[in-house]
Amino acid sequence: ETIITMATKHNPIAQDELTSCCLFSLSPKIQPKNILRAQLWVHLRPANIVTSVFLQISR
């Protein structure tokens, strides 16, 4: 079985244009113990300035 989920922006009012945060969650019907592997795809848009990208993954 394949499950695809899209991230949603978290509290967009409190963010400035240089900082962006998004998160995703799985349905309660999906039991984490049954997940054998996962893939995280990150799409970055071109930026006018050099910047760092930080990813935080919690389980």
PDB file of N, CA and C in Angstrom:
ATOM      1  N   GLU A   1       0.851  -1.184   0.000  1.00  0.00           N
ATOM      2  CA  GLU A   1       0.000   0.000   0.000  1.00  0.00           C
ATOM      3  C   GLU A   1       0.893   1.243   0.000  1.00  0.00           C
ATOM      4  N   THR A   2       0.517   2.229  -0.784  1.00  0.00           N
ATOM      5  CA  THR A   2       1.245   3.494  -0.852  1.00  0.00           C
ATOM      6  C   THR A   2       0.348   4.613  -0.356  1.00  0.00           C
ATOM      7  N   ILE A   3       0.886   5.434   0.515  1.00  0.00           N
ATOM      8  CA  ILE A   3       0.149   6.577   1.056  1.00  0.00           C
ATOM      9  C   ILE A   3       0.936   7.833   0.718  1.00  0.00           C
ATOM     10  N   ILE A   4       0.268   8.817   0.147  1.00  0.00           N
ATOM     11  CA  ILE A   4       0.904  10.092  -0.184  1.00  0.00           C
ATOM     12  C   ILE A   4       0.208  11.179   0.622  1.00  0.00           C
ATOM     13  N   THR A   5       0.986  11.995   1.285  1.00  0.00           N
ATOM     14  CA  THR A   5       0.420  13.101   2.052  1.00  0.00           C
ATOM     15  C   THR A   5       1.178  14.379   1.703  1.00  0.00           C
ATOM     16  N   MET A   6       0.490  15.491   1.734  1.00  0.00           N
ATOM     17  CA  MET A   6       1.092  16.786   1.419  1.00  0.00           C
ATOM     18  C   MET A   6       1.225  17.598   2.705  1.00  0.00           C
ATOM     19  N   ALA A   7       2.281  18.341   2.788  1.00  0.00           N
ATOM     20  CA  ALA A   7       2.499  19.189   3.956  1.00  0.00           C
ATOM     21  C   ALA A   7       1.584  20.405   3.908  1.00  0.00           C
ATOM     22  N   THR A   8       1.269  20.917   5.078  1.00  0.00           N
ATOM     23  CA  THR A   8       0.473  22.140   5.181  1.00  0.00           C
ATOM     24  C   THR A   8       1.285  23.176   5.954  1.00  0.00           C
ATOM     25  N   LYS A   9       1.076  24.433   5.621  1.00  0.00           N
ATOM     26  CA  LYS A   9       1.778  25.504   6.336  1.00  0.00           C
ATOM     27  C   LYS A   9       1.207  25.623   7.737  1.00  0.00           C
ATOM     28  N   HIS A  10       2.102  25.828   8.670  1.00  0.00           N
ATOM     29  CA  HIS A  10       1.732  25.947  10.075  1.00  0.00           C
ATOM     30  C   HIS A  10       1.783  27.412  10.487  1.00  0.00           C
ATOM     31  N   ASN A  11       0.674  27.966  10.914  1.00  0.00           N
ATOM     32  CA  ASN A  11       0.587  29.340  11.416  1.00  0.00           C
ATOM     33  C   ASN A  11       1.227  30.351  10.455  1.00  0.00           C
ATOM     34  N   PRO A  12       0.701  30.489   9.240  1.00  0.00           N
ATOM     35  CA  PRO A  12       1.336  31.374   8.252  1.00  0.00           C
ATOM     36  C   PRO A  12       1.348  32.849   8.641  1.00  0.00           C
ATOM     37  N   ILE A  13       0.498  33.269   9.563  1.00  0.00           N
ATOM     38  CA  ILE A  13       0.443  34.681   9.960  1.00  0.00           C
ATOM     39  C   ILE A  13       1.715  35.084  10.710  1.00  0.00           C
ATOM     40  N   ALA A  14       2.295  34.173  11.479  1.00  0.00           N
ATOM     41  CA  ALA A  14       3.448  34.497  12.320  1.00  0.00           C
ATOM     42  C   ALA A  14       4.774  34.374  11.578  1.00  0.00           C
ATOM     43  N   GLN A  15       4.764  34.068  10.314  1.00  0.00           N
ATOM     44  CA  GLN A  15       6.001  33.844   9.574  1.00  0.00           C
ATOM     45  C   GLN A  15       6.364  35.050   8.718  1.00  0.00           C
ATOM     46  N   ASP A  16       7.663  35.296   8.598  1.00  0.00           N
ATOM     47  CA  ASP A  16       8.107  36.322   7.662  1.00  0.00           C
ATOM     48  C   ASP A  16       8.443  35.640   6.339  1.00  0.00           C
ATOM     49  N   GLU A  17       8.859  36.421   5.355  1.00  0.00           N
ATOM     50  CA  GLU A  17       9.069  35.838   4.026  1.00  0.00           C
ATOM     51  C   GLU A  17      10.323  34.971   3.949  1.00  0.00           C
ATOM     52  N   LEU A  18      11.253  35.092   4.898  1.00  0.00           N
ATOM     53  CA  LEU A  18      12.464  34.280   4.872  1.00  0.00           C
ATOM     54  C   LEU A  18      12.320  32.966   5.636  1.00  0.00           C
ATOM     55  N   THR A  19      11.322  32.877   6.492  1.00  0.00           N
ATOM     56  CA  THR A  19      11.136  31.688   7.307  1.00  0.00           C
ATOM     57  C   THR A  19       9.855  30.991   6.892  1.00  0.00           C
ATOM     58  N   SER A  20       9.951  29.719   6.696  1.00  0.00           N
ATOM     59  CA  SER A  20       8.773  28.958   6.319  1.00  0.00           C
ATOM     60  C   SER A  20       8.792  27.629   7.056  1.00  0.00           C
ATOM     61  N   CYS A  21       7.646  27.209   7.497  1.00  0.00           N
ATOM     62  CA  CYS A  21       7.540  25.965   8.231  1.00  0.00           C
ATOM     63  C   CYS A  21       6.297  25.233   7.755  1.00  0.00           C
ATOM     64  N   CYS A  22       6.407  23.977   7.587  1.00  0.00           N
ATOM     65  CA  CYS A  22       5.230  23.189   7.228  1.00  0.00           C
ATOM     66  C   CYS A  22       5.321  21.835   7.921  1.00  0.00           C
ATOM     67  N   LEU A  23       4.215  21.169   8.024  1.00  0.00           N
ATOM     68  CA  LEU A  23       4.181  19.882   8.689  1.00  0.00           C
ATOM     69  C   LEU A  23       3.135  18.996   8.045  1.00  0.00           C
ATOM     70  N   PHE A  24       3.229  17.733   8.326  1.00  0.00           N
ATOM     71  CA  PHE A  24       2.217  16.808   7.859  1.00  0.00           C
ATOM     72  C   PHE A  24       1.969  15.772   8.940  1.00  0.00           C
ATOM     73  N   SER A  25       0.818  15.195   8.908  1.00  0.00           N
ATOM     74  CA  SER A  25       0.491  14.134   9.850  1.00  0.00           C
ATOM     75  C   SER A  25      -0.312  13.066   9.121  1.00  0.00           C
ATOM     76  N   LEU A  26      -0.250  11.882   9.642  1.00  0.00           N
ATOM     77  CA  LEU A  26      -0.973  10.765   9.055  1.00  0.00           C
ATOM     78  C   LEU A  26      -2.315  10.589   9.742  1.00  0.00           C
ATOM     79  N   SER A  27      -3.223   9.985   9.059  1.00  0.00           N
ATOM     80  CA  SER A  27      -4.539   9.691   9.604  1.00  0.00           C
ATOM     81  C   SER A  27      -4.398   8.763  10.812  1.00  0.00           C
ATOM     82  N   PRO A  28      -5.270   8.895  11.801  1.00  0.00           N
ATOM     83  CA  PRO A  28      -5.230   7.979  12.947  1.00  0.00           C
ATOM     84  C   PRO A  28      -5.458   6.517  12.542  1.00  0.00           C
ATOM     85  N   LYS A  29      -6.014   6.303  11.359  1.00  0.00           N
ATOM     86  CA  LYS A  29      -6.241   4.933  10.885  1.00  0.00           C
ATOM     87  C   LYS A  29      -4.932   4.234  10.523  1.00  0.00           C
ATOM     88  N   ILE A  30      -3.880   5.019  10.272  1.00  0.00           N
ATOM     89  CA  ILE A  30      -2.592   4.453   9.886  1.00  0.00           C
ATOM     90  C   ILE A  30      -1.766   4.237  11.148  1.00  0.00           C
ATOM     91  N   GLN A  31      -1.369   3.018  11.385  1.00  0.00           N
ATOM     92  CA  GLN A  31      -0.586   2.697  12.573  1.00  0.00           C
ATOM     93  C   GLN A  31       0.904   2.790  12.242  1.00  0.00           C
ATOM     94  N   PRO A  32       1.637   3.659  12.941  1.00  0.00           N
ATOM     95  CA  PRO A  32       3.064   3.844  12.640  1.00  0.00           C
ATOM     96  C   PRO A  32       3.875   2.551  12.699  1.00  0.00           C
ATOM     97  N   LYS A  33       3.487   1.612  13.541  1.00  0.00           N
ATOM     98  CA  LYS A  33       4.258   0.366  13.647  1.00  0.00           C
ATOM     99  C   LYS A  33       4.178  -0.461  12.366  1.00  0.00           C
ATOM    100  N   ASN A  34       3.185  -0.184  11.520  1.00  0.00           N
ATOM    101  CA  ASN A  34       3.038  -0.914  10.266  1.00  0.00           C
ATOM    102  C   ASN A  34       3.779  -0.262   9.098  1.00  0.00           C
ATOM    103  N   ILE A  35       4.385   0.894   9.330  1.00  0.00           N
ATOM    104  CA  ILE A  35       5.131   1.582   8.272  1.00  0.00           C
ATOM    105  C   ILE A  35       6.537   0.988   8.219  1.00  0.00           C
ATOM    106  N   LEU A  36       6.884   0.405   7.091  1.00  0.00           N
ATOM    107  CA  LEU A  36       8.193  -0.230   6.940  1.00  0.00           C
ATOM    108  C   LEU A  36       9.255   0.736   6.444  1.00  0.00           C
ATOM    109  N   ARG A  37       8.870   1.684   5.607  1.00  0.00           N
ATOM    110  CA  ARG A  37       9.812   2.681   5.112  1.00  0.00           C
ATOM    111  C   ARG A  37       9.037   3.908   4.666  1.00  0.00           C
ATOM    112  N   ALA A  38       9.759   5.011   4.572  1.00  0.00           N
ATOM    113  CA  ALA A  38       9.123   6.270   4.173  1.00  0.00           C
ATOM    114  C   ALA A  38      10.111   7.081   3.341  1.00  0.00           C
ATOM    115  N   GLN A  39       9.579   7.950   2.507  1.00  0.00           N
ATOM    116  CA  GLN A  39      10.398   8.860   1.709  1.00  0.00           C
ATOM    117  C   GLN A  39       9.928  10.281   1.977  1.00  0.00           C
ATOM    118  N   LEU A  40      10.876  11.173   2.104  1.00  0.00           N
ATOM    119  CA  LEU A  40      10.576  12.593   2.274  1.00  0.00           C
ATOM    120  C   LEU A  40      11.154  13.326   1.077  1.00  0.00           C
ATOM    121  N   TRP A  41      10.301  13.994   0.339  1.00  0.00           N
ATOM    122  CA  TRP A  41      10.740  14.785  -0.811  1.00  0.00           C
ATOM    123  C   TRP A  41      10.616  16.253  -0.436  1.00  0.00           C
ATOM    124  N   VAL A  42      11.664  17.004  -0.684  1.00  0.00           N
ATOM    125  CA  VAL A  42      11.668  18.435  -0.388  1.00  0.00           C
ATOM    126  C   VAL A  42      11.909  19.180  -1.694  1.00  0.00           C
ATOM    127  N   HIS A  43      10.983  20.070  -2.038  1.00  0.00           N
ATOM    128  CA  HIS A  43      11.114  20.884  -3.249  1.00  0.00           C
ATOM    129  C   HIS A  43      11.486  22.297  -2.814  1.00  0.00           C
ATOM    130  N   LEU A  44      12.618  22.780  -3.286  1.00  0.00           N
ATOM    131  CA  LEU A  44      13.074  24.129  -2.947  1.00  0.00           C
ATOM    132  C   LEU A  44      12.950  25.026  -4.161  1.00  0.00           C
ATOM    133  N   ARG A  45      12.404  26.189  -3.948  1.00  0.00           N
ATOM    134  CA  ARG A  45      12.304  27.180  -5.020  1.00  0.00           C
ATOM    135  C   ARG A  45      13.592  27.988  -5.089  1.00  0.00           C
ATOM    136  N   PRO A  46      13.938  28.503  -6.253  1.00  0.00           N
ATOM    137  CA  PRO A  46      15.131  29.356  -6.359  1.00  0.00           C
ATOM    138  C   PRO A  46      14.992  30.588  -5.460  1.00  0.00           C
ATOM    139  N   ALA A  47      16.096  30.979  -4.851  1.00  0.00           N
ATOM    140  CA  ALA A  47      16.088  32.149  -3.969  1.00  0.00           C
ATOM    141  C   ALA A  47      17.032  33.209  -4.524  1.00  0.00           C
ATOM    142  N   ASN A  48      16.754  34.463  -4.193  1.00  0.00           N
ATOM    143  CA  ASN A  48      17.601  35.576  -4.636  1.00  0.00           C
ATOM    144  C   ASN A  48      18.873  35.702  -3.805  1.00  0.00           C
ATOM    145  N   ILE A  49      18.854  35.132  -2.596  1.00  0.00           N
ATOM    146  CA  ILE A  49      20.020  35.205  -1.717  1.00  0.00           C
ATOM    147  C   ILE A  49      20.414  33.784  -1.304  1.00  0.00           C
ATOM    148  N   VAL A  50      21.676  33.616  -0.929  1.00  0.00           N
ATOM    149  CA  VAL A  50      22.139  32.323  -0.432  1.00  0.00           C
ATOM    150  C   VAL A  50      21.579  32.133   0.972  1.00  0.00           C
ATOM    151  N   THR A  51      21.034  30.979   1.235  1.00  0.00           N
ATOM    152  CA  THR A  51      20.424  30.719   2.532  1.00  0.00           C
ATOM    153  C   THR A  51      20.613  29.260   2.912  1.00  0.00           C
ATOM    154  N   SER A  52      20.403  28.963   4.166  1.00  0.00           N
ATOM    155  CA  SER A  52      20.493  27.587   4.660  1.00  0.00           C
ATOM    156  C   SER A  52      19.096  27.004   4.791  1.00  0.00           C
ATOM    157  N   VAL A  53      19.012  25.718   4.634  1.00  0.00           N
ATOM    158  CA  VAL A  53      17.742  25.015   4.785  1.00  0.00           C
ATOM    159  C   VAL A  53      17.909  24.002   5.908  1.00  0.00           C
ATOM    160  N   PHE A  54      16.993  24.029   6.871  1.00  0.00           N
ATOM    161  CA  PHE A  54      17.039  23.108   7.997  1.00  0.00           C
ATOM    162  C   PHE A  54      15.808  22.215   7.954  1.00  0.00           C
ATOM    163  N   LEU A  55      16.019  20.941   8.167  1.00  0.00           N
ATOM    164  CA  LEU A  55      14.922  19.984   8.245  1.00  0.00           C
ATOM    165  C   LEU A  55      14.925  19.367   9.632  1.00  0.00           C
ATOM    166  N   GLN A  56      13.755  19.288  10.237  1.00  0.00           N
ATOM    167  CA  GLN A  56      13.624  18.616  11.525  1.00  0.00           C
ATOM    168  C   GLN A  56      12.597  17.514  11.344  1.00  0.00           C
ATOM    169  N   ILE A  57      12.994  16.303  11.659  1.00  0.00           N
ATOM    170  CA  ILE A  57      12.103  15.159  11.501  1.00  0.00           C
ATOM    171  C   ILE A  57      11.847  14.569  12.877  1.00  0.00           C
ATOM    172  N   SER A  58      10.595  14.497  13.257  1.00  0.00           N
ATOM    173  CA  SER A  58      10.204  13.922  14.546  1.00  0.00           C
ATOM    174  C   SER A  58       9.319  12.721  14.289  1.00  0.00           C
ATOM    175  N   ARG A  59       9.394  11.800  15.170  1.00  0.00           N
ATOM    176  CA  ARG A  59       8.572  10.608  15.015  1.00  0.00           C
ATOM    177  C   ARG A  59       7.748  10.379  16.249  1.00  0.00           C
TER     178      ARG A  59
END
